[in-house]
Amino acid sequence: MLRHVIVSHQDLLEFAKECFRRVGVPGEDAGIIADHLVLANLRGVDSHGVIRIPYYIEGVEKGYVRARSEIRILRETGATALIDGGGGLGIPVAVKAVRLGIEKARDGGIAVVSVRNLGHVGMLAYYTLKITEQKLIGLVTANAPARVAPWGGAEPVFGTNPISLGFPAREKPIIIDMATSVIADFKIKLAALKGEKIPEGVALDKSGKPTVDPKEALEGCLLPFGAYKGYSFSLIVEILSAVLSGGALSKQIIRHPSTQGGFFVMILDPTAFRSYREYEADLDRLLDFIRGCPPAHGFEKVLLPGEPEDRVYRRRLEEGIPIDSATWRLLAETSARLGVSMPRPRG
């Protein structure tokens, strides 16, 4: 049985663009979404890659999100902005919010942009990578449909509520991107699609008992990482993303892979505090201390956040992106329905 196929990132990019154009997404926005999803696959974050294409398109067709949206700035100061995303697909809306934040941070040293009424924003590292490319520091959060119980609870109140931070550095940026649940919700869906079990200690069934069955977990809830610590971070993300923007709380969001609550981005310019050369030199010194730390038993070396994803990125850029058979079937169904040619497998 075919386990996976290998596809070049360029072919996957063109396929994704055309799929979104076929359902009425404007050309620029289709390109932004395609670039985002393919980068997720390149970095090994397959749960946020092209497997999302059928679900985003379904979200448009069912009216959960709009293919075209009018983004409006509701309130604005020199350093802040509140944006209404017009109910549009989240990735293009979030990209435009980040662009505005970068402009404001360049002018004033700091910027905060809060967004409500938008669809799923995808892999948050995409935005912190874009911010660090400009030699700026970024903090990004988003709340999602309720799937995670508060610590000690047995019903979902929070989304997986991811958070990402990015710090520019001399060689590669430091990119932290994580859900505040033990595991990302879509990884549960992937496990169910593949007929695999999920790890112990990540989910409860609908009766509040621990489970390793992804189907039971989908009917139940996920657990926060680090017990009460992850619960606290979930709460922080919920307040920054939804309460600050006036967006939907996690409990109020329609549960679908195309939906989101709110989006928050804060951007800092290191040169507002000191010269970039000084910032970079001290960060280099810190990273040298980390890299020089002797590895614990069972580890080969100490890695920096984002380093594993960067290794996968370089390998997949050269060798191609592996697409598992379950995802390939979903893409083939979308391809046939929209009349878009499937990307050509390598070899």
C-alpha atoms as a PDB file:
ATOM      1  CA  MET A   1       0.000   0.000   0.000  1.00  0.00           C
ATOM      2  CA  LEU A   2       1.281   3.459  -0.920  1.00  0.00           C
ATOM      3  CA  ARG A   3       2.409   5.231   2.265  1.00  0.00           C
ATOM      4  CA  HIS A   4       3.248   8.607   0.722  1.00  0.00           C
ATOM      5  CA  VAL A   5       4.216  10.432  -2.452  1.00  0.00           C
ATOM      6  CA  ILE A   6       6.940  13.037  -2.914  1.00  0.00           C
ATOM      7  CA  VAL A   7       6.016  16.348  -4.546  1.00  0.00           C
ATOM      8  CA  SER A   8       8.138  19.422  -5.285  1.00  0.00           C
ATOM      9  CA  HIS A   9       7.204  22.528  -3.333  1.00  0.00           C
ATOM     10  CA  GLN A  10       6.817  24.496  -6.586  1.00  0.00           C
ATOM     11  CA  ASP A  11       4.221  22.046  -7.963  1.00  0.00           C
ATOM     12  CA  LEU A  12       2.382  22.005  -4.654  1.00  0.00           C
ATOM     13  CA  LEU A  13       2.375  25.806  -4.582  1.00  0.00           C
ATOM     14  CA  GLU A  14       0.786  26.085  -8.034  1.00  0.00           C
ATOM     15  CA  PHE A  15      -1.791  23.428  -7.177  1.00  0.00           C
ATOM     16  CA  ALA A  16      -2.800  25.224  -3.974  1.00  0.00           C
ATOM     17  CA  LYS A  17      -3.053  28.611  -5.714  1.00  0.00           C
ATOM     18  CA  GLU A  18      -5.304  27.240  -8.438  1.00  0.00           C
ATOM     19  CA  CYS A  19      -7.596  25.463  -5.960  1.00  0.00           C
ATOM     20  CA  PHE A  20      -8.270  28.700  -4.108  1.00  0.00           C
ATOM     21  CA  ARG A  21      -8.699  30.728  -7.289  1.00  0.00           C
ATOM     22  CA  ARG A  22     -11.369  28.239  -8.429  1.00  0.00           C
ATOM     23  CA  VAL A  23     -13.548  29.085  -5.415  1.00  0.00           C
ATOM     24  CA  GLY A  24     -13.297  32.841  -5.903  1.00  0.00           C
ATOM     25  CA  VAL A  25     -10.283  33.777  -3.794  1.00  0.00           C
ATOM     26  CA  PRO A  26      -8.525  36.814  -5.366  1.00  0.00           C
ATOM     27  CA  GLY A  27      -5.180  36.036  -7.005  1.00  0.00           C
ATOM     28  CA  GLU A  28      -2.965  37.787  -4.444  1.00  0.00           C
ATOM     29  CA  ASP A  29      -4.782  36.190  -1.511  1.00  0.00           C
ATOM     30  CA  ALA A  30      -4.675  32.750  -3.167  1.00  0.00           C
ATOM     31  CA  GLY A  31      -0.903  33.151  -3.514  1.00  0.00           C
ATOM     32  CA  ILE A  32      -0.530  34.170   0.138  1.00  0.00           C
ATOM     33  CA  ILE A  33      -2.516  31.154   1.370  1.00  0.00           C
ATOM     34  CA  ALA A  34      -0.628  28.755  -0.914  1.00  0.00           C
ATOM     35  CA  ASP A  35       2.751  30.140   0.192  1.00  0.00           C
ATOM     36  CA  HIS A  36       1.736  29.772   3.833  1.00  0.00           C
ATOM     37  CA  LEU A  37       0.492  26.176   3.567  1.00  0.00           C
ATOM     38  CA  VAL A  38       3.456  24.962   1.526  1.00  0.00           C
ATOM     39  CA  LEU A  39       5.909  26.591   3.947  1.00  0.00           C
ATOM     40  CA  ALA A  40       4.227  24.671   6.773  1.00  0.00           C
ATOM     41  CA  ASN A  41       4.859  21.423   4.859  1.00  0.00           C
ATOM     42  CA  LEU A  42       8.431  22.455   4.091  1.00  0.00           C
ATOM     43  CA  ARG A  43       9.032  23.000   7.822  1.00  0.00           C
ATOM     44  CA  GLY A  44       7.501  19.626   8.692  1.00  0.00           C
ATOM     45  CA  VAL A  45       4.340  21.099  10.218  1.00  0.00           C
ATOM     46  CA  ASP A  46       2.136  18.915   8.006  1.00  0.00           C
ATOM     47  CA  SER A  47      -0.956  19.394  10.181  1.00  0.00           C
ATOM     48  CA  HIS A  48      -0.989  23.034   9.012  1.00  0.00           C
ATOM     49  CA  GLY A  49       0.071  22.374   5.416  1.00  0.00           C
ATOM     50  CA  VAL A  50      -1.793  21.529   2.228  1.00  0.00           C
ATOM     51  CA  ILE A  51      -4.076  19.117   4.070  1.00  0.00           C
ATOM     52  CA  ARG A  52      -5.912  22.333   5.014  1.00  0.00           C
ATOM     53  CA  ILE A  53      -6.879  23.050   1.382  1.00  0.00           C
ATOM     54  CA  PRO A  54     -10.063  20.902   1.347  1.00  0.00           C
ATOM     55  CA  TYR A  55     -11.144  22.260   4.729  1.00  0.00           C
ATOM     56  CA  TYR A  56     -10.591  25.938   3.883  1.00  0.00           C
ATOM     57  CA  ILE A  57     -12.505  25.438   0.629  1.00  0.00           C
ATOM     58  CA  GLU A  58     -15.294  23.666   2.508  1.00  0.00           C
ATOM     59  CA  GLY A  59     -15.374  26.622   4.909  1.00  0.00           C
ATOM     60  CA  VAL A  60     -15.914  28.991   1.971  1.00  0.00           C
ATOM     61  CA  GLU A  61     -18.587  26.786   0.421  1.00  0.00           C
ATOM     62  CA  LYS A  62     -20.485  26.391   3.708  1.00  0.00           C
ATOM     63  CA  GLY A  63     -20.279  30.101   4.488  1.00  0.00           C
ATOM     64  CA  TYR A  64     -18.053  29.821   7.554  1.00  0.00           C
ATOM     65  CA  VAL A  65     -15.529  32.154   5.896  1.00  0.00           C
ATOM     66  CA  ARG A  66     -15.558  34.405   2.840  1.00  0.00           C
ATOM     67  CA  ALA A  67     -13.387  33.995  -0.246  1.00  0.00           C
ATOM     68  CA  ARG A  68     -13.272  37.793  -0.562  1.00  0.00           C
ATOM     69  CA  SER A  69     -13.342  40.119   2.401  1.00  0.00           C
ATOM     70  CA  GLU A  70     -13.197  43.843   3.038  1.00  0.00           C
ATOM     71  CA  ILE A  71     -10.693  44.539   5.785  1.00  0.00           C
ATOM     72  CA  ARG A  72     -11.567  47.600   7.864  1.00  0.00           C
ATOM     73  CA  ILE A  73      -9.473  49.477  10.414  1.00  0.00           C
ATOM     74  CA  LEU A  74     -11.914  50.251  13.231  1.00  0.00           C
ATOM     75  CA  ARG A  75      -9.564  52.136  15.562  1.00  0.00           C
ATOM     76  CA  GLU A  76      -6.007  53.329  15.093  1.00  0.00           C
ATOM     77  CA  THR A  77      -3.209  55.207  16.836  1.00  0.00           C
ATOM     78  CA  GLY A  78       0.424  55.627  15.878  1.00  0.00           C
ATOM     79  CA  ALA A  79       1.334  52.336  17.537  1.00  0.00           C
ATOM     80  CA  THR A  80      -1.916  50.345  17.517  1.00  0.00           C
ATOM     81  CA  ALA A  81      -4.762  49.222  15.283  1.00  0.00           C
ATOM     82  CA  LEU A  82      -7.980  47.258  15.643  1.00  0.00           C
ATOM     83  CA  ILE A  83      -8.973  45.465  12.438  1.00  0.00           C
ATOM     84  CA  ASP A  84     -12.177  43.761  11.329  1.00  0.00           C
ATOM     85  CA  GLY A  85     -11.242  40.956   8.945  1.00  0.00           C
ATOM     86  CA  GLY A  86     -14.616  40.959   7.201  1.00  0.00           C
ATOM     87  CA  GLY A  87     -15.099  37.260   7.894  1.00  0.00           C
ATOM     88  CA  GLY A  88     -12.504  36.399   5.265  1.00  0.00           C
ATOM     89  CA  LEU A  89     -10.054  33.525   5.015  1.00  0.00           C
ATOM     90  CA  GLY A  90      -7.723  34.189   7.900  1.00  0.00           C
ATOM     91  CA  ILE A  91      -4.259  33.881   6.405  1.00  0.00           C
ATOM     92  CA  PRO A  92      -4.453  36.880   4.008  1.00  0.00           C
ATOM     93  CA  VAL A  93      -6.121  38.991   6.710  1.00  0.00           C
ATOM     94  CA  ALA A  94      -3.400  38.121   9.246  1.00  0.00           C
ATOM     95  CA  VAL A  95      -0.621  38.800   6.715  1.00  0.00           C
ATOM     96  CA  LYS A  96      -2.026  42.282   6.055  1.00  0.00           C
ATOM     97  CA  ALA A  97      -2.300  42.929   9.801  1.00  0.00           C
ATOM     98  CA  VAL A  98       1.352  41.936  10.252  1.00  0.00           C
ATOM     99  CA  ARG A  99       2.400  44.223   7.395  1.00  0.00           C
ATOM    100  CA  LEU A 100       0.644  47.131   9.103  1.00  0.00           C
ATOM    101  CA  GLY A 101       2.305  46.234  12.395  1.00  0.00           C
ATOM    102  CA  ILE A 102       5.742  46.184  10.764  1.00  0.00           C
ATOM    103  CA  GLU A 103       5.168  49.683   9.346  1.00  0.00           C
ATOM    104  CA  LYS A 104       4.096  51.006  12.741  1.00  0.00           C
ATOM    105  CA  ALA A 105       7.000  49.361  14.587  1.00  0.00           C
ATOM    106  CA  ARG A 106       9.432  50.856  12.089  1.00  0.00           C
ATOM    107  CA  ASP A 107       7.987  54.304  12.815  1.00  0.00           C
ATOM    108  CA  GLY A 108       7.550  54.100  16.581  1.00  0.00           C
ATOM    109  CA  GLY A 109       9.602  51.176  17.879  1.00  0.00           C
ATOM    110  CA  ILE A 110       6.585  49.145  18.945  1.00  0.00           C
ATOM    111  CA  ALA A 111       3.250  48.140  17.449  1.00  0.00           C
ATOM    112  CA  VAL A 112       0.219  46.127  18.500  1.00  0.00           C
ATOM    113  CA  VAL A 113      -2.437  45.054  15.992  1.00  0.00           C
ATOM    114  CA  SER A 114      -5.570  43.232  17.105  1.00  0.00           C
ATOM    115  CA  VAL A 115      -7.887  41.492  14.621  1.00  0.00           C
ATOM    116  CA  ARG A 116     -11.382  40.068  14.903  1.00  0.00           C
ATOM    117  CA  ASN A 117     -13.809  38.414  12.497  1.00  0.00           C
ATOM    118  CA  LEU A 118     -11.416  36.285  10.434  1.00  0.00           C
ATOM    119  CA  GLY A 119     -10.870  32.651   9.517  1.00  0.00           C
ATOM    120  CA  HIS A 120      -8.132  30.214  10.532  1.00  0.00           C
ATOM    121  CA  VAL A 121      -4.715  31.883  10.419  1.00  0.00           C
ATOM    122  CA  GLY A 122      -2.635  28.714  10.012  1.00  0.00           C
ATOM    123  CA  MET A 123       0.899  28.207  11.315  1.00  0.00           C
ATOM    124  CA  LEU A 124       1.827  31.170  13.518  1.00  0.00           C
ATOM    125  CA  ALA A 125       5.535  30.739  12.773  1.00  0.00           C
ATOM    126  CA  TYR A 126       4.770  32.040   9.278  1.00  0.00           C
ATOM    127  CA  TYR A 127       4.118  35.479  10.754  1.00  0.00           C
ATOM    128  CA  THR A 128       7.026  35.563  13.190  1.00  0.00           C
ATOM    129  CA  LEU A 129       9.335  34.484  10.359  1.00  0.00           C
ATOM    130  CA  LYS A 130       8.086  37.413   8.258  1.00  0.00           C
ATOM    131  CA  ILE A 131       8.637  39.766  11.192  1.00  0.00           C
ATOM    132  CA  THR A 132      12.176  38.557  11.926  1.00  0.00           C
ATOM    133  CA  GLU A 133      13.088  38.959   8.242  1.00  0.00           C
ATOM    134  CA  GLN A 134      12.706  42.696   8.933  1.00  0.00           C
ATOM    135  CA  LYS A 135      15.065  42.460  11.958  1.00  0.00           C
ATOM    136  CA  LEU A 136      12.123  42.926  14.314  1.00  0.00           C
ATOM    137  CA  ILE A 137      10.864  40.893  17.288  1.00  0.00           C
ATOM    138  CA  GLY A 138       7.376  39.420  17.019  1.00  0.00           C
ATOM    139  CA  LEU A 139       4.768  37.947  19.356  1.00  0.00           C
ATOM    140  CA  VAL A 140       1.672  36.407  17.751  1.00  0.00           C
ATOM    141  CA  THR A 141      -1.340  34.662  19.304  1.00  0.00           C
ATOM    142  CA  ALA A 142      -4.704  33.334  18.115  1.00  0.00           C
ATOM    143  CA  ASN A 143      -7.649  31.685  19.844  1.00  0.00           C
ATOM    144  CA  ALA A 144      -9.434  28.782  18.207  1.00  0.00           C
ATOM    145  CA  PRO A 145     -12.669  26.755  18.574  1.00  0.00           C
ATOM    146  CA  ALA A 146     -13.006  25.291  22.078  1.00  0.00           C
ATOM    147  CA  ARG A 147     -11.156  21.964  22.330  1.00  0.00           C
ATOM    148  CA  VAL A 148      -9.079  22.277  25.502  1.00  0.00           C
ATOM    149  CA  ALA A 149     -10.274  21.858  29.083  1.00  0.00           C
ATOM    150  CA  PRO A 150      -8.995  24.201  31.774  1.00  0.00           C
ATOM    151  CA  TRP A 151      -6.731  22.404  34.233  1.00  0.00           C
ATOM    152  CA  GLY A 152      -8.946  20.224  36.426  1.00  0.00           C
ATOM    153  CA  GLY A 153     -11.903  20.459  34.024  1.00  0.00           C
ATOM    154  CA  ALA A 154     -13.518  17.828  31.800  1.00  0.00           C
ATOM    155  CA  GLU A 155     -15.100  19.997  29.086  1.00  0.00           C
ATOM    156  CA  PRO A 156     -13.461  22.250  26.476  1.00  0.00           C
ATOM    157  CA  VAL A 157     -13.373  25.990  27.202  1.00  0.00           C
ATOM    158  CA  PHE A 158     -10.300  27.122  25.258  1.00  0.00           C
ATOM    159  CA  GLY A 159      -9.000  26.480  21.786  1.00  0.00           C
ATOM    160  CA  THR A 160      -5.532  25.037  21.323  1.00  0.00           C
ATOM    161  CA  ASN A 161      -4.672  28.759  21.484  1.00  0.00           C
ATOM    162  CA  PRO A 162      -1.198  28.820  19.915  1.00  0.00           C
ATOM    163  CA  ILE A 163       1.503  31.378  20.601  1.00  0.00           C
ATOM    164  CA  SER A 164       4.589  32.195  18.549  1.00  0.00           C
ATOM    165  CA  LEU A 165       7.582  34.406  19.245  1.00  0.00           C
ATOM    166  CA  GLY A 166      10.327  35.284  16.812  1.00  0.00           C
ATOM    167  CA  PHE A 167      13.709  36.891  17.486  1.00  0.00           C
ATOM    168  CA  PRO A 168      16.034  37.948  14.655  1.00  0.00           C
ATOM    169  CA  ALA A 169      19.569  36.587  14.987  1.00  0.00           C
ATOM    170  CA  ARG A 170      22.816  36.681  13.023  1.00  0.00           C
ATOM    171  CA  GLU A 171      22.389  33.254  11.401  1.00  0.00           C
ATOM    172  CA  LYS A 172      18.848  31.907  11.765  1.00  0.00           C
ATOM    173  CA  PRO A 173      16.008  33.544  13.715  1.00  0.00           C
ATOM    174  CA  ILE A 174      14.843  32.000  16.975  1.00  0.00           C
ATOM    175  CA  ILE A 175      11.273  30.850  16.258  1.00  0.00           C
ATOM    176  CA  ILE A 176       9.056  29.529  19.034  1.00  0.00           C
ATOM    177  CA  ASP A 177       5.654  28.250  17.896  1.00  0.00           C
ATOM    178  CA  MET A 178       3.482  26.054  20.056  1.00  0.00           C
ATOM    179  CA  ALA A 179      -0.068  25.233  20.970  1.00  0.00           C
ATOM    180  CA  THR A 180      -0.977  25.739  24.616  1.00  0.00           C
ATOM    181  CA  SER A 181      -2.538  22.269  24.555  1.00  0.00           C
ATOM    182  CA  VAL A 182      -0.353  19.167  24.863  1.00  0.00           C
ATOM    183  CA  ILE A 183      -0.993  18.455  21.175  1.00  0.00           C
ATOM    184  CA  ALA A 184      -2.420  20.442  18.256  1.00  0.00           C
ATOM    185  CA  ASP A 185      -6.070  19.600  17.572  1.00  0.00           C
ATOM    186  CA  PHE A 186      -5.539  18.872  13.881  1.00  0.00           C
ATOM    187  CA  LYS A 187      -2.931  16.237  14.776  1.00  0.00           C
ATOM    188  CA  ILE A 188      -5.774  14.342  16.456  1.00  0.00           C
ATOM    189  CA  LYS A 189      -7.759  14.571  13.214  1.00  0.00           C
ATOM    190  CA  LEU A 190      -4.708  13.380  11.256  1.00  0.00           C
ATOM    191  CA  ALA A 191      -4.300  10.390  13.583  1.00  0.00           C
ATOM    192  CA  ALA A 192      -7.966   9.496  13.065  1.00  0.00           C
ATOM    193  CA  LEU A 193      -7.550   9.746   9.277  1.00  0.00           C
ATOM    194  CA  LYS A 194      -4.496   7.466   9.391  1.00  0.00           C
ATOM    195  CA  GLY A 195      -6.014   5.007  11.875  1.00  0.00           C
ATOM    196  CA  GLU A 196      -3.290   5.718  14.435  1.00  0.00           C
ATOM    197  CA  LYS A 197      -3.460   6.075  18.218  1.00  0.00           C
ATOM    198  CA  ILE A 198      -2.584   9.312  19.993  1.00  0.00           C
ATOM    199  CA  PRO A 199      -0.083   9.538  22.886  1.00  0.00           C
ATOM    200  CA  GLU A 200      -1.207   9.030  26.463  1.00  0.00           C
ATOM    201  CA  GLY A 201      -1.887  12.105  28.558  1.00  0.00           C
ATOM    202  CA  VAL A 202      -3.054  14.433  25.789  1.00  0.00           C
ATOM    203  CA  ALA A 203      -6.845  14.005  25.704  1.00  0.00           C
ATOM    204  CA  LEU A 204     -10.000  12.995  27.543  1.00  0.00           C
ATOM    205  CA  ASP A 205     -13.075  11.263  26.131  1.00  0.00           C
ATOM    206  CA  LYS A 206     -16.535  12.847  26.460  1.00  0.00           C
ATOM    207  CA  SER A 207     -16.959  11.305  29.917  1.00  0.00           C
ATOM    208  CA  GLY A 208     -13.763  13.001  31.129  1.00  0.00           C
ATOM    209  CA  LYS A 209     -11.577   9.877  31.138  1.00  0.00           C
ATOM    210  CA  PRO A 210      -8.098   9.660  29.537  1.00  0.00           C
ATOM    211  CA  THR A 211      -8.043   8.160  26.020  1.00  0.00           C
ATOM    212  CA  VAL A 212      -5.576   7.243  23.269  1.00  0.00           C
ATOM    213  CA  ASP A 213      -8.339   6.836  20.674  1.00  0.00           C
ATOM    214  CA  PRO A 214      -8.352   9.916  18.382  1.00  0.00           C
ATOM    215  CA  LYS A 215     -12.061   9.490  17.596  1.00  0.00           C
ATOM    216  CA  GLU A 216     -12.904   9.547  21.300  1.00  0.00           C
ATOM    217  CA  ALA A 217     -10.614  12.565  21.734  1.00  0.00           C
ATOM    218  CA  LEU A 218     -12.428  14.414  18.938  1.00  0.00           C
ATOM    219  CA  GLU A 219     -15.683  13.936  20.852  1.00  0.00           C
ATOM    220  CA  GLY A 220     -14.044  14.842  24.167  1.00  0.00           C
ATOM    221  CA  CYS A 221     -11.351  17.425  24.844  1.00  0.00           C
ATOM    222  CA  LEU A 222      -7.616  18.019  24.893  1.00  0.00           C
ATOM    223  CA  LEU A 223      -5.464  18.818  27.917  1.00  0.00           C
ATOM    224  CA  PRO A 224      -3.297  21.925  28.432  1.00  0.00           C
ATOM    225  CA  PHE A 225       0.472  21.399  28.338  1.00  0.00           C
ATOM    226  CA  GLY A 226       2.242  21.481  31.682  1.00  0.00           C
ATOM    227  CA  ALA A 227      -0.994  21.224  33.685  1.00  0.00           C
ATOM    228  CA  TYR A 228      -1.883  24.585  35.298  1.00  0.00           C
ATOM    229  CA  LYS A 229       0.957  26.346  33.467  1.00  0.00           C
ATOM    230  CA  GLY A 230      -0.439  25.599  30.025  1.00  0.00           C
ATOM    231  CA  TYR A 231      -3.922  26.454  31.293  1.00  0.00           C
ATOM    232  CA  SER A 232      -2.607  29.885  32.310  1.00  0.00           C
ATOM    233  CA  PHE A 233      -1.073  30.404  28.867  1.00  0.00           C
ATOM    234  CA  SER A 234      -4.372  29.368  27.232  1.00  0.00           C
ATOM    235  CA  LEU A 235      -6.101  32.062  29.266  1.00  0.00           C
ATOM    236  CA  ILE A 236      -3.486  34.667  28.298  1.00  0.00           C
ATOM    237  CA  VAL A 237      -3.913  33.872  24.592  1.00  0.00           C
ATOM    238  CA  GLU A 238      -7.718  33.986  24.899  1.00  0.00           C
ATOM    239  CA  ILE A 239      -7.592  37.463  26.461  1.00  0.00           C
ATOM    240  CA  LEU A 240      -5.048  38.892  24.001  1.00  0.00           C
ATOM    241  CA  SER A 241      -6.685  37.373  20.920  1.00  0.00           C
ATOM    242  CA  ALA A 242     -10.412  37.557  21.629  1.00  0.00           C
ATOM    243  CA  VAL A 243     -11.154  39.824  24.591  1.00  0.00           C
ATOM    244  CA  LEU A 244      -8.842  42.621  23.434  1.00  0.00           C
ATOM    245  CA  SER A 245     -10.163  42.568  19.861  1.00  0.00           C
ATOM    246  CA  GLY A 246     -13.823  41.956  20.671  1.00  0.00           C
ATOM    247  CA  GLY A 247     -13.583  38.731  18.679  1.00  0.00           C
ATOM    248  CA  ALA A 248     -15.409  35.481  19.351  1.00  0.00           C
ATOM    249  CA  LEU A 249     -14.399  33.561  22.456  1.00  0.00           C
ATOM    250  CA  SER A 250     -13.326  29.974  21.853  1.00  0.00           C
ATOM    251  CA  LYS A 251     -16.660  28.685  23.207  1.00  0.00           C
ATOM    252  CA  GLN A 252     -18.492  30.872  20.659  1.00  0.00           C
ATOM    253  CA  ILE A 253     -16.600  29.807  17.519  1.00  0.00           C
ATOM    254  CA  ILE A 254     -18.136  27.334  15.064  1.00  0.00           C
ATOM    255  CA  ARG A 255     -15.946  24.239  15.258  1.00  0.00           C
ATOM    256  CA  HIS A 256     -14.429  23.814  11.812  1.00  0.00           C
ATOM    257  CA  PRO A 257     -10.812  23.770  10.531  1.00  0.00           C
ATOM    258  CA  SER A 258     -11.466  27.025   8.618  1.00  0.00           C
ATOM    259  CA  THR A 259     -12.574  29.080  11.642  1.00  0.00           C
ATOM    260  CA  GLN A 260     -10.751  31.208  14.205  1.00  0.00           C
ATOM    261  CA  GLY A 261     -11.572  33.689  16.975  1.00  0.00           C
ATOM    262  CA  GLY A 262      -9.178  36.622  17.105  1.00  0.00           C
ATOM    263  CA  PHE A 263      -5.564  37.354  16.159  1.00  0.00           C
ATOM    264  CA  PHE A 264      -3.003  39.416  18.077  1.00  0.00           C
ATOM    265  CA  VAL A 265       0.409  40.621  16.973  1.00  0.00           C
ATOM    266  CA  MET A 266       2.956  42.712  18.865  1.00  0.00           C
ATOM    267  CA  ILE A 267       6.146  43.846  17.152  1.00  0.00           C
ATOM    268  CA  LEU A 268       9.243  45.394  18.733  1.00  0.00           C
ATOM    269  CA  ASP A 269      12.145  47.102  17.007  1.00  0.00           C
ATOM    270  CA  PRO A 270      15.360  46.284  18.920  1.00  0.00           C
ATOM    271  CA  THR A 271      16.880  49.568  17.705  1.00  0.00           C
ATOM    272  CA  ALA A 272      14.340  51.463  19.811  1.00  0.00           C
ATOM    273  CA  PHE A 273      16.320  50.215  22.825  1.00  0.00           C
ATOM    274  CA  ARG A 274      19.919  49.858  21.611  1.00  0.00           C
ATOM    275  CA  SER A 275      21.894  49.481  18.407  1.00  0.00           C
ATOM    276  CA  TYR A 276      21.095  46.380  16.386  1.00  0.00           C
ATOM    277  CA  ARG A 277      24.769  45.413  16.466  1.00  0.00           C
ATOM    278  CA  GLU A 278      24.727  45.383  20.286  1.00  0.00           C
ATOM    279  CA  TYR A 279      21.483  43.395  20.377  1.00  0.00           C
ATOM    280  CA  GLU A 280      22.854  40.865  17.905  1.00  0.00           C
ATOM    281  CA  ALA A 281      26.183  40.492  19.723  1.00  0.00           C
ATOM    282  CA  ASP A 282      24.520  39.785  23.069  1.00  0.00           C
ATOM    283  CA  LEU A 283      22.068  37.344  21.481  1.00  0.00           C
ATOM    284  CA  ASP A 284      25.013  35.560  19.832  1.00  0.00           C
ATOM    285  CA  ARG A 285      26.658  35.287  23.234  1.00  0.00           C
ATOM    286  CA  LEU A 286      23.504  33.796  24.757  1.00  0.00           C
ATOM    287  CA  LEU A 287      23.106  31.295  21.914  1.00  0.00           C
ATOM    288  CA  ASP A 288      26.756  30.264  22.271  1.00  0.00           C
ATOM    289  CA  PHE A 289      26.120  29.481  25.953  1.00  0.00           C
ATOM    290  CA  ILE A 290      23.123  27.340  24.977  1.00  0.00           C
ATOM    291  CA  ARG A 291      24.929  25.516  22.174  1.00  0.00           C
ATOM    292  CA  GLY A 292      27.895  24.917  24.476  1.00  0.00           C
ATOM    293  CA  CYS A 293      25.762  23.256  27.139  1.00  0.00           C
ATOM    294  CA  PRO A 294      26.718  19.559  27.458  1.00  0.00           C
ATOM    295  CA  PRO A 295      23.856  17.283  26.349  1.00  0.00           C
ATOM    296  CA  ALA A 296      21.954  15.286  28.944  1.00  0.00           C
ATOM    297  CA  HIS A 297      21.827  11.488  28.784  1.00  0.00           C
ATOM    298  CA  GLY A 298      19.866  10.396  25.720  1.00  0.00           C
ATOM    299  CA  PHE A 299      20.480  13.616  23.781  1.00  0.00           C
ATOM    300  CA  GLU A 300      23.091  14.264  21.103  1.00  0.00           C
ATOM    301  CA  LYS A 301      23.123  18.058  21.481  1.00  0.00           C
ATOM    302  CA  VAL A 302      21.061  21.001  22.673  1.00  0.00           C
ATOM    303  CA  LEU A 303      18.958  22.455  19.862  1.00  0.00           C
ATOM    304  CA  LEU A 304      17.495  25.941  19.626  1.00  0.00           C
ATOM    305  CA  PRO A 305      13.754  26.523  19.121  1.00  0.00           C
ATOM    306  CA  GLY A 306      12.977  26.345  15.403  1.00  0.00           C
ATOM    307  CA  GLU A 307      16.175  24.436  14.590  1.00  0.00           C
ATOM    308  CA  PRO A 308      14.458  21.056  13.950  1.00  0.00           C
ATOM    309  CA  GLU A 309      11.972  22.737  11.574  1.00  0.00           C
ATOM    310  CA  ASP A 310      14.785  24.506   9.749  1.00  0.00           C
ATOM    311  CA  ARG A 311      16.581  21.187   9.182  1.00  0.00           C
ATOM    312  CA  VAL A 312      13.405  19.668   7.734  1.00  0.00           C
ATOM    313  CA  TYR A 313      12.922  22.772   5.585  1.00  0.00           C
ATOM    314  CA  ARG A 314      16.354  22.475   3.976  1.00  0.00           C
ATOM    315  CA  ARG A 315      15.920  18.756   3.325  1.00  0.00           C
ATOM    316  CA  ARG A 316      12.418  19.032   1.852  1.00  0.00           C
ATOM    317  CA  LEU A 317      13.354  22.033  -0.262  1.00  0.00           C
ATOM    318  CA  GLU A 318      15.908  19.822  -2.003  1.00  0.00           C
ATOM    319  CA  GLU A 319      14.273  16.376  -1.862  1.00  0.00           C
ATOM    320  CA  GLY A 320      10.588  17.314  -2.095  1.00  0.00           C
ATOM    321  CA  ILE A 321       7.649  17.211   0.298  1.00  0.00           C
ATOM    322  CA  PRO A 322       6.231  13.821   1.386  1.00  0.00           C
ATOM    323  CA  ILE A 323       2.424  13.731   1.304  1.00  0.00           C
ATOM    324  CA  ASP A 324       0.847  10.839   3.207  1.00  0.00           C
ATOM    325  CA  SER A 325      -1.741   8.675   1.458  1.00  0.00           C
ATOM    326  CA  ALA A 326      -4.697  10.002   3.497  1.00  0.00           C
ATOM    327  CA  THR A 327      -3.852  13.608   2.620  1.00  0.00           C
ATOM    328  CA  TRP A 328      -3.216  12.674  -1.019  1.00  0.00           C
ATOM    329  CA  ARG A 329      -6.702  11.148  -1.239  1.00  0.00           C
ATOM    330  CA  LEU A 330      -8.285  14.306   0.167  1.00  0.00           C
ATOM    331  CA  LEU A 331      -6.364  16.476  -2.300  1.00  0.00           C
ATOM    332  CA  ALA A 332      -7.350  14.176  -5.179  1.00  0.00           C
ATOM    333  CA  GLU A 333     -11.028  14.517  -4.245  1.00  0.00           C
ATOM    334  CA  THR A 334     -10.708  18.312  -4.177  1.00  0.00           C
ATOM    335  CA  SER A 335      -8.777  18.253  -7.447  1.00  0.00           C
ATOM    336  CA  ALA A 336     -11.474  16.230  -9.216  1.00  0.00           C
ATOM    337  CA  ARG A 337     -14.302  18.360  -7.877  1.00  0.00           C
ATOM    338  CA  LEU A 338     -12.677  21.675  -8.831  1.00  0.00           C
ATOM    339  CA  GLY A 339     -11.155  20.483 -12.102  1.00  0.00           C
ATOM    340  CA  VAL A 340      -7.594  21.274 -11.013  1.00  0.00           C
ATOM    341  CA  SER A 341      -4.709  19.027 -12.114  1.00  0.00           C
ATOM    342  CA  MET A 342      -2.984  17.212  -9.264  1.00  0.00           C
ATOM    343  CA  PRO A 343       0.700  17.973  -8.665  1.00  0.00           C
ATOM    344  CA  ARG A 344       3.011  15.450 -10.332  1.00  0.00           C
ATOM    345  CA  PRO A 345       4.730  13.043  -7.892  1.00  0.00           C
ATOM    346  CA  ARG A 346       8.514  12.789  -8.111  1.00  0.00           C
ATOM    347  CA  GLY A 347      10.135   9.567  -9.237  1.00  0.00           C
END
